[in-house]
Amino acid sequence: MAELGGRDAATVSLERALSLLADSVRRHALAVVRDRETVTLRELSWAVTSRATGTVRLTDGRSALDRYRIRLHHVHLPKLAAAGLVTYDTDRRTVELAAEPSAVTHLLADVSDGTG
């Protein structure tokens, strides 16, 4: 099993948290995982795509869903895992909350621009 994550979320510095959560996709993903605690990459992709765009329709031969799934897998989830906020099992393609839900809520509230 290949897992990413495991650091204590309390060790995430304010500067690192702001950098991580400056991207709306990571904010959306973290909010979804916080609310569900465990989610598949497919479920997370649907939820993030819906929150970010309101659609999963095809554009330029690729759906918004595909684009977000690829970006989550290769970019956003590894960053959140390295910070100890989530654990991403790349074999099973499941994401679990690694930090206390209340700590994540506070992080999201501290950097929220109203989008989540």
PDB file of N, CA and C in Angstrom:
ATOM      1  N   MET A   1       0.849  -1.168   0.000  1.00  0.00           N
ATOM      2  CA  MET A   1       0.000   0.000   0.000  1.00  0.00           C
ATOM      3  C   MET A   1       0.894   1.229   0.000  1.00  0.00           C
ATOM      4  N   ALA A   2       0.646   2.159  -0.895  1.00  0.00           N
ATOM      5  CA  ALA A   2       1.415   3.398  -0.946  1.00  0.00           C
ATOM      6  C   ALA A   2       0.595   4.508  -0.321  1.00  0.00           C
ATOM      7  N   GLU A   3       1.095   5.047   0.762  1.00  0.00           N
ATOM      8  CA  GLU A   3       0.374   6.126   1.438  1.00  0.00           C
ATOM      9  C   GLU A   3       1.232   7.373   1.484  1.00  0.00           C
ATOM     10  N   LEU A   4       0.582   8.489   1.367  1.00  0.00           N
ATOM     11  CA  LEU A   4       1.239   9.781   1.512  1.00  0.00           C
ATOM     12  C   LEU A   4       0.634  10.468   2.714  1.00  0.00           C
ATOM     13  N   GLY A   5       1.448  11.078   3.527  1.00  0.00           N
ATOM     14  CA  GLY A   5       0.934  11.815   4.679  1.00  0.00           C
ATOM     15  C   GLY A   5       1.516  11.301   5.965  1.00  0.00           C
ATOM     16  N   GLY A   6       0.906  11.720   7.076  1.00  0.00           N
ATOM     17  CA  GLY A   6       1.306  11.207   8.356  1.00  0.00           C
ATOM     18  C   GLY A   6       1.943  12.215   9.296  1.00  0.00           C
ATOM     19  N   ARG A   7       2.293  13.402   8.834  1.00  0.00           N
ATOM     20  CA  ARG A   7       2.842  14.406   9.735  1.00  0.00           C
ATOM     21  C   ARG A   7       1.735  14.947  10.606  1.00  0.00           C
ATOM     22  N   ASP A   8       2.110  15.428  11.778  1.00  0.00           N
ATOM     23  CA  ASP A   8       1.157  16.032  12.705  1.00  0.00           C
ATOM     24  C   ASP A   8       0.716  17.384  12.144  1.00  0.00           C
ATOM     25  N   ALA A   9      -0.582  17.574  11.989  1.00  0.00           N
ATOM     26  CA  ALA A   9      -1.106  18.819  11.415  1.00  0.00           C
ATOM     27  C   ALA A   9      -0.746  20.028  12.260  1.00  0.00           C
ATOM     28  N   ALA A  10      -0.507  19.829  13.543  1.00  0.00           N
ATOM     29  CA  ALA A  10      -0.153  20.945  14.415  1.00  0.00           C
ATOM     30  C   ALA A  10       1.197  21.543  14.037  1.00  0.00           C
ATOM     31  N   THR A  11       2.026  20.785  13.313  1.00  0.00           N
ATOM     32  CA  THR A  11       3.339  21.283  12.936  1.00  0.00           C
ATOM     33  C   THR A  11       3.319  22.111  11.651  1.00  0.00           C
ATOM     34  N   VAL A  12       2.167  22.229  11.025  1.00  0.00           N
ATOM     35  CA  VAL A  12       2.064  23.031   9.809  1.00  0.00           C
ATOM     36  C   VAL A  12       2.147  24.503  10.192  1.00  0.00           C
ATOM     37  N   SER A  13       3.165  25.168   9.685  1.00  0.00           N
ATOM     38  CA  SER A  13       3.340  26.580  10.013  1.00  0.00           C
ATOM     39  C   SER A  13       2.270  27.420   9.324  1.00  0.00           C
ATOM     40  N   LEU A  14       2.060  28.614   9.838  1.00  0.00           N
ATOM     41  CA  LEU A  14       1.081  29.519   9.238  1.00  0.00           C
ATOM     42  C   LEU A  14       1.444  29.809   7.785  1.00  0.00           C
ATOM     43  N   GLU A  15       2.713  30.044   7.521  1.00  0.00           N
ATOM     44  CA  GLU A  15       3.154  30.336   6.160  1.00  0.00           C
ATOM     45  C   GLU A  15       2.867  29.151   5.235  1.00  0.00           C
ATOM     46  N   ARG A  16       3.150  27.949   5.703  1.00  0.00           N
ATOM     47  CA  ARG A  16       2.903  26.739   4.908  1.00  0.00           C
ATOM     48  C   ARG A  16       1.403  26.542   4.692  1.00  0.00           C
ATOM     49  N   ALA A  17       0.620  26.774   5.748  1.00  0.00           N
ATOM     50  CA  ALA A  17      -0.835  26.628   5.628  1.00  0.00           C
ATOM     51  C   ALA A  17      -1.391  27.605   4.613  1.00  0.00           C
ATOM     52  N   LEU A  18      -0.921  28.846   4.661  1.00  0.00           N
ATOM     53  CA  LEU A  18      -1.407  29.839   3.704  1.00  0.00           C
ATOM     54  C   LEU A  18      -1.027  29.465   2.279  1.00  0.00           C
ATOM     55  N   SER A  19       0.177  28.959   2.105  1.00  0.00           N
ATOM     56  CA  SER A  19       0.625  28.532   0.786  1.00  0.00           C
ATOM     57  C   SER A  19      -0.212  27.360   0.284  1.00  0.00           C
ATOM     58  N   LEU A  20      -0.452  26.378   1.155  1.00  0.00           N
ATOM     59  CA  LEU A  20      -1.252  25.213   0.783  1.00  0.00           C
ATOM     60  C   LEU A  20      -2.673  25.592   0.407  1.00  0.00           C
ATOM     61  N   LEU A  21      -3.258  26.465   1.203  1.00  0.00           N
ATOM     62  CA  LEU A  21      -4.667  26.773   1.047  1.00  0.00           C
ATOM     63  C   LEU A  21      -4.925  27.993   0.171  1.00  0.00           C
ATOM     64  N   ALA A  22      -3.875  28.530  -0.426  1.00  0.00           N
ATOM     65  CA  ALA A  22      -4.054  29.632  -1.374  1.00  0.00           C
ATOM     66  C   ALA A  22      -4.759  29.142  -2.634  1.00  0.00           C
ATOM     67  N   ASP A  23      -4.633  27.867  -2.919  1.00  0.00           N
ATOM     68  CA  ASP A  23      -5.263  27.287  -4.097  1.00  0.00           C
ATOM     69  C   ASP A  23      -6.680  26.823  -3.766  1.00  0.00           C
ATOM     70  N   SER A  24      -7.649  27.273  -4.519  1.00  0.00           N
ATOM     71  CA  SER A  24      -9.049  26.942  -4.233  1.00  0.00           C
ATOM     72  C   SER A  24      -9.338  25.443  -4.367  1.00  0.00           C
ATOM     73  N   VAL A  25      -8.637  24.748  -5.248  1.00  0.00           N
ATOM     74  CA  VAL A  25      -8.860  23.309  -5.393  1.00  0.00           C
ATOM     75  C   VAL A  25      -8.490  22.595  -4.098  1.00  0.00           C
ATOM     76  N   ARG A  26      -7.365  22.981  -3.489  1.00  0.00           N
ATOM     77  CA  ARG A  26      -6.971  22.351  -2.224  1.00  0.00           C
ATOM     78  C   ARG A  26      -7.946  22.705  -1.112  1.00  0.00           C
ATOM     79  N   ARG A  27      -8.459  23.929  -1.105  1.00  0.00           N
ATOM     80  CA  ARG A  27      -9.463  24.303  -0.095  1.00  0.00           C
ATOM     81  C   ARG A  27     -10.725  23.465  -0.272  1.00  0.00           C
ATOM     82  N   HIS A  28     -11.185  23.338  -1.499  1.00  0.00           N
ATOM     83  CA  HIS A  28     -12.377  22.525  -1.769  1.00  0.00           C
ATOM     84  C   HIS A  28     -12.138  21.080  -1.348  1.00  0.00           C
ATOM     85  N   ALA A  29     -11.010  20.521  -1.745  1.00  0.00           N
ATOM     86  CA  ALA A  29     -10.703  19.125  -1.426  1.00  0.00           C
ATOM     87  C   ALA A  29     -10.644  18.909   0.082  1.00  0.00           C
ATOM     88  N   LEU A  30      -9.980  19.807   0.773  1.00  0.00           N
ATOM     89  CA  LEU A  30      -9.845  19.660   2.223  1.00  0.00           C
ATOM     90  C   LEU A  30     -11.200  19.780   2.914  1.00  0.00           C
ATOM     91  N   ALA A  31     -12.040  20.665   2.433  1.00  0.00           N
ATOM     92  CA  ALA A  31     -13.382  20.809   3.017  1.00  0.00           C
ATOM     93  C   ALA A  31     -14.207  19.546   2.803  1.00  0.00           C
ATOM     94  N   VAL A  32     -14.103  18.936   1.627  1.00  0.00           N
ATOM     95  CA  VAL A  32     -14.845  17.711   1.343  1.00  0.00           C
ATOM     96  C   VAL A  32     -14.356  16.575   2.233  1.00  0.00           C
ATOM     97  N   VAL A  33     -13.050  16.425   2.326  1.00  0.00           N
ATOM     98  CA  VAL A  33     -12.489  15.347   3.146  1.00  0.00           C
ATOM     99  C   VAL A  33     -12.815  15.580   4.622  1.00  0.00           C
ATOM    100  N   ARG A  34     -12.786  16.823   5.053  1.00  0.00           N
ATOM    101  CA  ARG A  34     -13.144  17.132   6.441  1.00  0.00           C
ATOM    102  C   ARG A  34     -14.585  16.710   6.735  1.00  0.00           C
ATOM    103  N   ASP A  35     -15.472  16.972   5.799  1.00  0.00           N
ATOM    104  CA  ASP A  35     -16.889  16.659   6.002  1.00  0.00           C
ATOM    105  C   ASP A  35     -17.183  15.162   5.929  1.00  0.00           C
ATOM    106  N   ARG A  36     -16.419  14.426   5.130  1.00  0.00           N
ATOM    107  CA  ARG A  36     -16.690  12.999   4.922  1.00  0.00           C
ATOM    108  C   ARG A  36     -15.682  12.092   5.619  1.00  0.00           C
ATOM    109  N   GLU A  37     -14.557  12.608   6.015  1.00  0.00           N
ATOM    110  CA  GLU A  37     -13.455  11.913   6.685  1.00  0.00           C
ATOM    111  C   GLU A  37     -12.722  10.911   5.807  1.00  0.00           C
ATOM    112  N   THR A  38     -13.431  10.116   5.002  1.00  0.00           N
ATOM    113  CA  THR A  38     -12.804   9.206   4.039  1.00  0.00           C
ATOM    114  C   THR A  38     -13.581   9.310   2.742  1.00  0.00           C
ATOM    115  N   VAL A  39     -12.839   9.396   1.628  1.00  0.00           N
ATOM    116  CA  VAL A  39     -13.487   9.564   0.330  1.00  0.00           C
ATOM    117  C   VAL A  39     -12.585   8.952  -0.737  1.00  0.00           C
ATOM    118  N   THR A  40     -13.193   8.421  -1.795  1.00  0.00           N
ATOM    119  CA  THR A  40     -12.391   7.922  -2.909  1.00  0.00           C
ATOM    120  C   THR A  40     -11.979   9.099  -3.785  1.00  0.00           C
ATOM    121  N   LEU A  41     -10.942   8.885  -4.575  1.00  0.00           N
ATOM    122  CA  LEU A  41     -10.506   9.937  -5.496  1.00  0.00           C
ATOM    123  C   LEU A  41     -11.635  10.290  -6.457  1.00  0.00           C
ATOM    124  N   ARG A  42     -12.377   9.296  -6.893  1.00  0.00           N
ATOM    125  CA  ARG A  42     -13.503   9.546  -7.816  1.00  0.00           C
ATOM    126  C   ARG A  42     -14.554  10.443  -7.156  1.00  0.00           C
ATOM    127  N   GLU A  43     -14.949  10.099  -5.936  1.00  0.00           N
ATOM    128  CA  GLU A  43     -15.942  10.911  -5.213  1.00  0.00           C
ATOM    129  C   GLU A  43     -15.423  12.317  -4.967  1.00  0.00           C
ATOM    130  N   LEU A  44     -14.160  12.406  -4.587  1.00  0.00           N
ATOM    131  CA  LEU A  44     -13.558  13.715  -4.325  1.00  0.00           C
ATOM    132  C   LEU A  44     -13.500  14.545  -5.601  1.00  0.00           C
ATOM    133  N   SER A  45     -13.167  13.911  -6.704  1.00  0.00           N
ATOM    134  CA  SER A  45     -13.110  14.619  -7.994  1.00  0.00           C
ATOM    135  C   SER A  45     -14.464  15.210  -8.357  1.00  0.00           C
ATOM    136  N   TRP A  46     -15.521  14.418  -8.184  1.00  0.00           N
ATOM    137  CA  TRP A  46     -16.874  14.908  -8.467  1.00  0.00           C
ATOM    138  C   TRP A  46     -17.207  16.094  -7.570  1.00  0.00           C
ATOM    139  N   ALA A  47     -16.943  15.974  -6.287  1.00  0.00           N
ATOM    140  CA  ALA A  47     -17.292  17.036  -5.341  1.00  0.00           C
ATOM    141  C   ALA A  47     -16.501  18.309  -5.612  1.00  0.00           C
ATOM    142  N   VAL A  48     -15.211  18.172  -5.868  1.00  0.00           N
ATOM    143  CA  VAL A  48     -14.375  19.355  -6.131  1.00  0.00           C
ATOM    144  C   VAL A  48     -14.771  20.008  -7.448  1.00  0.00           C
ATOM    145  N   THR A  49     -15.010  19.202  -8.473  1.00  0.00           N
ATOM    146  CA  THR A  49     -15.420  19.754  -9.769  1.00  0.00           C
ATOM    147  C   THR A  49     -16.734  20.508  -9.633  1.00  0.00           C
ATOM    148  N   SER A  50     -17.665  19.931  -8.922  1.00  0.00           N
ATOM    149  CA  SER A  50     -18.959  20.573  -8.708  1.00  0.00           C
ATOM    150  C   SER A  50     -18.808  21.892  -7.951  1.00  0.00           C
ATOM    151  N   ARG A  51     -18.002  21.883  -6.895  1.00  0.00           N
ATOM    152  CA  ARG A  51     -17.786  23.111  -6.113  1.00  0.00           C
ATOM    153  C   ARG A  51     -17.067  24.183  -6.919  1.00  0.00           C
ATOM    154  N   ALA A  52     -16.086  23.758  -7.709  1.00  0.00           N
ATOM    155  CA  ALA A  52     -15.243  24.715  -8.426  1.00  0.00           C
ATOM    156  C   ALA A  52     -15.883  25.270  -9.688  1.00  0.00           C
ATOM    157  N   THR A  53     -16.632  24.420 -10.402  1.00  0.00           N
ATOM    158  CA  THR A  53     -17.137  24.849 -11.707  1.00  0.00           C
ATOM    159  C   THR A  53     -18.640  24.757 -11.850  1.00  0.00           C
ATOM    160  N   GLY A  54     -19.265  23.920 -11.045  1.00  0.00           N
ATOM    161  CA  GLY A  54     -20.696  23.719 -11.173  1.00  0.00           C
ATOM    162  C   GLY A  54     -21.071  22.809 -12.320  1.00  0.00           C
ATOM    163  N   THR A  55     -20.054  22.204 -12.982  1.00  0.00           N
ATOM    164  CA  THR A  55     -20.334  21.340 -14.129  1.00  0.00           C
ATOM    165  C   THR A  55     -19.259  20.284 -14.273  1.00  0.00           C
ATOM    166  N   VAL A  56     -19.576  19.214 -14.976  1.00  0.00           N
ATOM    167  CA  VAL A  56     -18.590  18.190 -15.326  1.00  0.00           C
ATOM    168  C   VAL A  56     -18.627  17.930 -16.828  1.00  0.00           C
ATOM    169  N   ARG A  57     -19.090  18.901 -17.589  1.00  0.00           N
ATOM    170  CA  ARG A  57     -19.255  18.724 -19.038  1.00  0.00           C
ATOM    171  C   ARG A  57     -17.910  18.688 -19.767  1.00  0.00           C
ATOM    172  N   LEU A  58     -17.960  18.199 -20.991  1.00  0.00           N
ATOM    173  CA  LEU A  58     -16.765  18.108 -21.823  1.00  0.00           C
ATOM    174  C   LEU A  58     -16.391  19.466 -22.394  1.00  0.00           C
ATOM    175  N   THR A  59     -15.110  19.773 -22.315  1.00  0.00           N
ATOM    176  CA  THR A  59     -14.561  20.954 -22.979  1.00  0.00           C
ATOM    177  C   THR A  59     -13.215  20.554 -23.546  1.00  0.00           C
ATOM    178  N   ASP A  60     -12.969  20.856 -24.796  1.00  0.00           N
ATOM    179  CA  ASP A  60     -11.703  20.509 -25.458  1.00  0.00           C
ATOM    180  C   ASP A  60     -11.402  19.017 -25.385  1.00  0.00           C
ATOM    181  N   GLY A  61     -12.430  18.185 -25.478  1.00  0.00           N
ATOM    182  CA  GLY A  61     -12.225  16.752 -25.500  1.00  0.00           C
ATOM    183  C   GLY A  61     -11.997  16.095 -24.149  1.00  0.00           C
ATOM    184  N   ARG A  62     -11.932  16.874 -23.106  1.00  0.00           N
ATOM    185  CA  ARG A  62     -11.721  16.307 -21.772  1.00  0.00           C
ATOM    186  C   ARG A  62     -12.705  16.974 -20.819  1.00  0.00           C
ATOM    187  N   SER A  63     -13.274  16.187 -19.949  1.00  0.00           N
ATOM    188  CA  SER A  63     -14.238  16.759 -19.021  1.00  0.00           C
ATOM    189  C   SER A  63     -13.526  17.483 -17.893  1.00  0.00           C
ATOM    190  N   ALA A  64     -14.231  18.426 -17.310  1.00  0.00           N
ATOM    191  CA  ALA A  64     -13.697  19.126 -16.137  1.00  0.00           C
ATOM    192  C   ALA A  64     -13.394  18.109 -15.044  1.00  0.00           C
ATOM    193  N   LEU A  65     -14.214  17.081 -14.954  1.00  0.00           N
ATOM    194  CA  LEU A  65     -14.002  16.030 -13.963  1.00  0.00           C
ATOM    195  C   LEU A  65     -12.642  15.357 -14.149  1.00  0.00           C
ATOM    196  N   ASP A  66     -12.300  15.022 -15.376  1.00  0.00           N
ATOM    197  CA  ASP A  66     -10.998  14.399 -15.656  1.00  0.00           C
ATOM    198  C   ASP A  66      -9.846  15.323 -15.280  1.00  0.00           C
ATOM    199  N   ARG A  67      -9.966  16.582 -15.637  1.00  0.00           N
ATOM    200  CA  ARG A  67      -8.900  17.546 -15.325  1.00  0.00           C
ATOM    201  C   ARG A  67      -8.688  17.668 -13.825  1.00  0.00           C
ATOM    202  N   TYR A  68      -9.782  17.775 -13.075  1.00  0.00           N
ATOM    203  CA  TYR A  68      -9.645  17.895 -11.621  1.00  0.00           C
ATOM    204  C   TYR A  68      -9.123  16.604 -10.996  1.00  0.00           C
ATOM    205  N   ARG A  69      -9.552  15.446 -11.487  1.00  0.00           N
ATOM    206  CA  ARG A  69      -9.069  14.167 -10.953  1.00  0.00           C
ATOM    207  C   ARG A  69      -7.564  14.046 -11.136  1.00  0.00           C
ATOM    208  N   ILE A  70      -7.083  14.390 -12.310  1.00  0.00           N
ATOM    209  CA  ILE A  70      -5.648  14.310 -12.598  1.00  0.00           C
ATOM    210  C   ILE A  70      -4.865  15.296 -11.720  1.00  0.00           C
ATOM    211  N   ARG A  71      -5.356  16.513 -11.611  1.00  0.00           N
ATOM    212  CA  ARG A  71      -4.668  17.519 -10.783  1.00  0.00           C
ATOM    213  C   ARG A  71      -4.691  17.133  -9.307  1.00  0.00           C
ATOM    214  N   LEU A  72      -5.805  16.583  -8.836  1.00  0.00           N
ATOM    215  CA  LEU A  72      -5.870  16.136  -7.446  1.00  0.00           C
ATOM    216  C   LEU A  72      -4.841  15.037  -7.200  1.00  0.00           C
ATOM    217  N   HIS A  73      -4.811  14.046  -8.070  1.00  0.00           N
ATOM    218  CA  HIS A  73      -3.924  12.894  -7.898  1.00  0.00           C
ATOM    219  C   HIS A  73      -2.447  13.287  -7.941  1.00  0.00           C
ATOM    220  N   HIS A  74      -2.071  14.105  -8.901  1.00  0.00           N
ATOM    221  CA  HIS A  74      -0.653  14.400  -9.121  1.00  0.00           C
ATOM    222  C   HIS A  74      -0.130  15.623  -8.376  1.00  0.00           C
ATOM    223  N   VAL A  75      -0.991  16.552  -8.030  1.00  0.00           N
ATOM    224  CA  VAL A  75      -0.522  17.812  -7.451  1.00  0.00           C
ATOM    225  C   VAL A  75      -1.086  18.070  -6.054  1.00  0.00           C
ATOM    226  N   HIS A  76      -2.388  18.189  -5.970  1.00  0.00           N
ATOM    227  CA  HIS A  76      -3.001  18.702  -4.753  1.00  0.00           C
ATOM    228  C   HIS A  76      -2.993  17.731  -3.572  1.00  0.00           C
ATOM    229  N   LEU A  77      -3.342  16.481  -3.806  1.00  0.00           N
ATOM    230  CA  LEU A  77      -3.361  15.517  -2.699  1.00  0.00           C
ATOM    231  C   LEU A  77      -1.959  15.238  -2.152  1.00  0.00           C
ATOM    232  N   PRO A  78      -0.928  15.111  -3.007  1.00  0.00           N
ATOM    233  CA  PRO A  78       0.422  14.951  -2.447  1.00  0.00           C
ATOM    234  C   PRO A  78       0.853  16.134  -1.572  1.00  0.00           C
ATOM    235  N   LYS A  79       0.465  17.336  -1.945  1.00  0.00           N
ATOM    236  CA  LYS A  79       0.817  18.504  -1.132  1.00  0.00           C
ATOM    237  C   LYS A  79       0.085  18.488   0.205  1.00  0.00           C
ATOM    238  N   LEU A  80      -1.192  18.166   0.190  1.00  0.00           N
ATOM    239  CA  LEU A  80      -1.953  18.102   1.438  1.00  0.00           C
ATOM    240  C   LEU A  80      -1.449  16.962   2.320  1.00  0.00           C
ATOM    241  N   ALA A  81      -1.053  15.855   1.697  1.00  0.00           N
ATOM    242  CA  ALA A  81      -0.519  14.720   2.452  1.00  0.00           C
ATOM    243  C   ALA A  81       0.839  15.055   3.064  1.00  0.00           C
ATOM    244  N   ALA A  82       1.689  15.718   2.312  1.00  0.00           N
ATOM    245  CA  ALA A  82       3.014  16.084   2.827  1.00  0.00           C
ATOM    246  C   ALA A  82       2.910  17.012   4.034  1.00  0.00           C
ATOM    247  N   ALA A  83       1.844  17.790   4.080  1.00  0.00           N
ATOM    248  CA  ALA A  83       1.625  18.701   5.211  1.00  0.00           C
ATOM    249  C   ALA A  83       0.966  17.999   6.396  1.00  0.00           C
ATOM    250  N   GLY A  84       0.562  16.746   6.208  1.00  0.00           N
ATOM    251  CA  GLY A  84      -0.052  15.999   7.292  1.00  0.00           C
ATOM    252  C   GLY A  84      -1.526  16.270   7.488  1.00  0.00           C
ATOM    253  N   LEU A  85      -2.163  16.870   6.505  1.00  0.00           N
ATOM    254  CA  LEU A  85      -3.587  17.174   6.625  1.00  0.00           C
ATOM    255  C   LEU A  85      -4.465  16.017   6.172  1.00  0.00           C
ATOM    256  N   VAL A  86      -3.997  15.273   5.171  1.00  0.00           N
ATOM    257  CA  VAL A  86      -4.721  14.099   4.699  1.00  0.00           C
ATOM    258  C   VAL A  86      -3.742  12.950   4.529  1.00  0.00           C
ATOM    259  N   THR A  87      -4.284  11.752   4.426  1.00  0.00           N
ATOM    260  CA  THR A  87      -3.523  10.575   4.031  1.00  0.00           C
ATOM    261  C   THR A  87      -4.126  10.125   2.709  1.00  0.00           C
ATOM    262  N   TYR A  88      -3.268   9.988   1.699  1.00  0.00           N
ATOM    263  CA  TYR A  88      -3.737   9.585   0.377  1.00  0.00           C
ATOM    264  C   TYR A  88      -3.125   8.235   0.041  1.00  0.00           C
ATOM    265  N   ASP A  89      -3.971   7.219  -0.056  1.00  0.00           N
ATOM    266  CA  ASP A  89      -3.538   5.886  -0.441  1.00  0.00           C
ATOM    267  C   ASP A  89      -3.607   5.823  -1.962  1.00  0.00           C
ATOM    268  N   THR A  90      -2.444   5.884  -2.595  1.00  0.00           N
ATOM    269  CA  THR A  90      -2.395   5.960  -4.058  1.00  0.00           C
ATOM    270  C   THR A  90      -2.773   4.645  -4.726  1.00  0.00           C
ATOM    271  N   ASP A  91      -2.637   3.529  -4.007  1.00  0.00           N
ATOM    272  CA  ASP A  91      -3.037   2.238  -4.569  1.00  0.00           C
ATOM    273  C   ASP A  91      -4.562   2.088  -4.570  1.00  0.00           C
ATOM    274  N   ARG A  92      -5.170   2.367  -3.439  1.00  0.00           N
ATOM    275  CA  ARG A  92      -6.627   2.244  -3.314  1.00  0.00           C
ATOM    276  C   ARG A  92      -7.345   3.502  -3.785  1.00  0.00           C
ATOM    277  N   ARG A  93      -6.587   4.582  -3.961  1.00  0.00           N
ATOM    278  CA  ARG A  93      -7.133   5.887  -4.369  1.00  0.00           C
ATOM    279  C   ARG A  93      -8.201   6.369  -3.392  1.00  0.00           C
ATOM    280  N   THR A  94      -7.830   6.314  -2.110  1.00  0.00           N
ATOM    281  CA  THR A  94      -8.703   6.830  -1.065  1.00  0.00           C
ATOM    282  C   THR A  94      -7.983   7.928  -0.310  1.00  0.00           C
ATOM    283  N   VAL A  95      -8.763   8.875   0.157  1.00  0.00           N
ATOM    284  CA  VAL A  95      -8.234  10.012   0.893  1.00  0.00           C
ATOM    285  C   VAL A  95      -8.921  10.032   2.251  1.00  0.00           C
ATOM    286  N   GLU A  96      -8.112  10.167   3.301  1.00  0.00           N
ATOM    287  CA  GLU A  96      -8.657  10.240   4.652  1.00  0.00           C
ATOM    288  C   GLU A  96      -8.115  11.484   5.335  1.00  0.00           C
ATOM    289  N   LEU A  97      -8.897  12.013   6.216  1.00  0.00           N
ATOM    290  CA  LEU A  97      -8.467  13.153   7.008  1.00  0.00           C
ATOM    291  C   LEU A  97      -7.430  12.672   8.010  1.00  0.00           C
ATOM    292  N   ALA A  98      -6.277  13.321   8.052  1.00  0.00           N
ATOM    293  CA  ALA A  98      -5.209  12.945   8.977  1.00  0.00           C
ATOM    294  C   ALA A  98      -5.148  13.884  10.170  1.00  0.00           C
ATOM    295  N   ALA A  99      -5.760  15.040  10.040  1.00  0.00           N
ATOM    296  CA  ALA A  99      -5.755  16.042  11.104  1.00  0.00           C
ATOM    297  C   ALA A  99      -7.114  16.039  11.799  1.00  0.00           C
ATOM    298  N   GLU A 100      -7.153  16.644  12.959  1.00  0.00           N
ATOM    299  CA  GLU A 100      -8.427  16.800  13.660  1.00  0.00           C
ATOM    300  C   GLU A 100      -9.365  17.656  12.806  1.00  0.00           C
ATOM    301  N   PRO A 101     -10.630  17.264  12.648  1.00  0.00           N
ATOM    302  CA  PRO A 101     -11.564  18.055  11.848  1.00  0.00           C
ATOM    303  C   PRO A 101     -11.655  19.507  12.316  1.00  0.00           C
ATOM    304  N   SER A 102     -11.610  19.737  13.616  1.00  0.00           N
ATOM    305  CA  SER A 102     -11.701  21.118  14.120  1.00  0.00           C
ATOM    306  C   SER A 102     -10.479  21.932  13.715  1.00  0.00           C
ATOM    307  N   ALA A 103      -9.296  21.308  13.673  1.00  0.00           N
ATOM    308  CA  ALA A 103      -8.088  22.016  13.247  1.00  0.00           C
ATOM    309  C   ALA A 103      -8.187  22.406  11.779  1.00  0.00           C
ATOM    310  N   VAL A 104      -8.736  21.503  10.974  1.00  0.00           N
ATOM    311  CA  VAL A 104      -8.920  21.782   9.545  1.00  0.00           C
ATOM    312  C   VAL A 104      -9.943  22.899   9.366  1.00  0.00           C
ATOM    313  N   THR A 105     -11.016  22.854  10.134  1.00  0.00           N
ATOM    314  CA  THR A 105     -12.029  23.906  10.064  1.00  0.00           C
ATOM    315  C   THR A 105     -11.406  25.266  10.372  1.00  0.00           C
ATOM    316  N   HIS A 106     -10.557  25.312  11.386  1.00  0.00           N
ATOM    317  CA  HIS A 106      -9.890  26.574  11.738  1.00  0.00           C
ATOM    318  C   HIS A 106      -8.957  27.039  10.633  1.00  0.00           C
ATOM    319  N   LEU A 107      -8.201  26.111  10.047  1.00  0.00           N
ATOM    320  CA  LEU A 107      -7.319  26.472   8.936  1.00  0.00           C
ATOM    321  C   LEU A 107      -8.115  27.056   7.776  1.00  0.00           C
ATOM    322  N   LEU A 108      -9.198  26.378   7.418  1.00  0.00           N
ATOM    323  CA  LEU A 108     -10.017  26.845   6.297  1.00  0.00           C
ATOM    324  C   LEU A 108     -10.646  28.198   6.603  1.00  0.00           C
ATOM    325  N   ALA A 109     -11.079  28.395   7.830  1.00  0.00           N
ATOM    326  CA  ALA A 109     -11.696  29.663   8.221  1.00  0.00           C
ATOM    327  C   ALA A 109     -10.668  30.793   8.181  1.00  0.00           C
ATOM    328  N   ASP A 110      -9.441  30.491   8.588  1.00  0.00           N
ATOM    329  CA  ASP A 110      -8.393  31.510   8.628  1.00  0.00           C
ATOM    330  C   ASP A 110      -8.020  32.032   7.243  1.00  0.00           C
ATOM    331  N   VAL A 111      -8.149  31.198   6.225  1.00  0.00           N
ATOM    332  CA  VAL A 111      -7.756  31.619   4.882  1.00  0.00           C
ATOM    333  C   VAL A 111      -8.939  31.744   3.931  1.00  0.00           C
ATOM    334  N   SER A 112     -10.155  31.587   4.445  1.00  0.00           N
ATOM    335  CA  SER A 112     -11.336  31.577   3.604  1.00  0.00           C
ATOM    336  C   SER A 112     -11.569  32.908   2.911  1.00  0.00           C
ATOM    337  N   ASP A 113     -11.910  32.774   1.632  1.00  0.00           N
ATOM    338  CA  ASP A 113     -12.334  33.954   0.888  1.00  0.00           C
ATOM    339  C   ASP A 113     -13.804  33.845   0.543  1.00  0.00           C
ATOM    340  N   GLY A 114     -14.465  32.941   1.254  1.00  0.00           N
ATOM    341  CA  GLY A 114     -15.890  32.737   1.019  1.00  0.00           C
ATOM    342  C   GLY A 114     -16.193  31.620   0.062  1.00  0.00           C
ATOM    343  N   THR A 115     -15.140  30.939  -0.474  1.00  0.00           N
ATOM    344  CA  THR A 115     -15.377  29.853  -1.417  1.00  0.00           C
ATOM    345  C   THR A 115     -15.130  28.495  -0.802  1.00  0.00           C
ATOM    346  N   GLY A 116     -14.828  28.436   0.461  1.00  0.00           N
ATOM    347  CA  GLY A 116     -14.803  27.140   1.018  1.00  0.00           C
ATOM    348  C   GLY A 116     -13.627  26.572   1.612  1.00  0.00           C
TER     349      GLY A 116
END
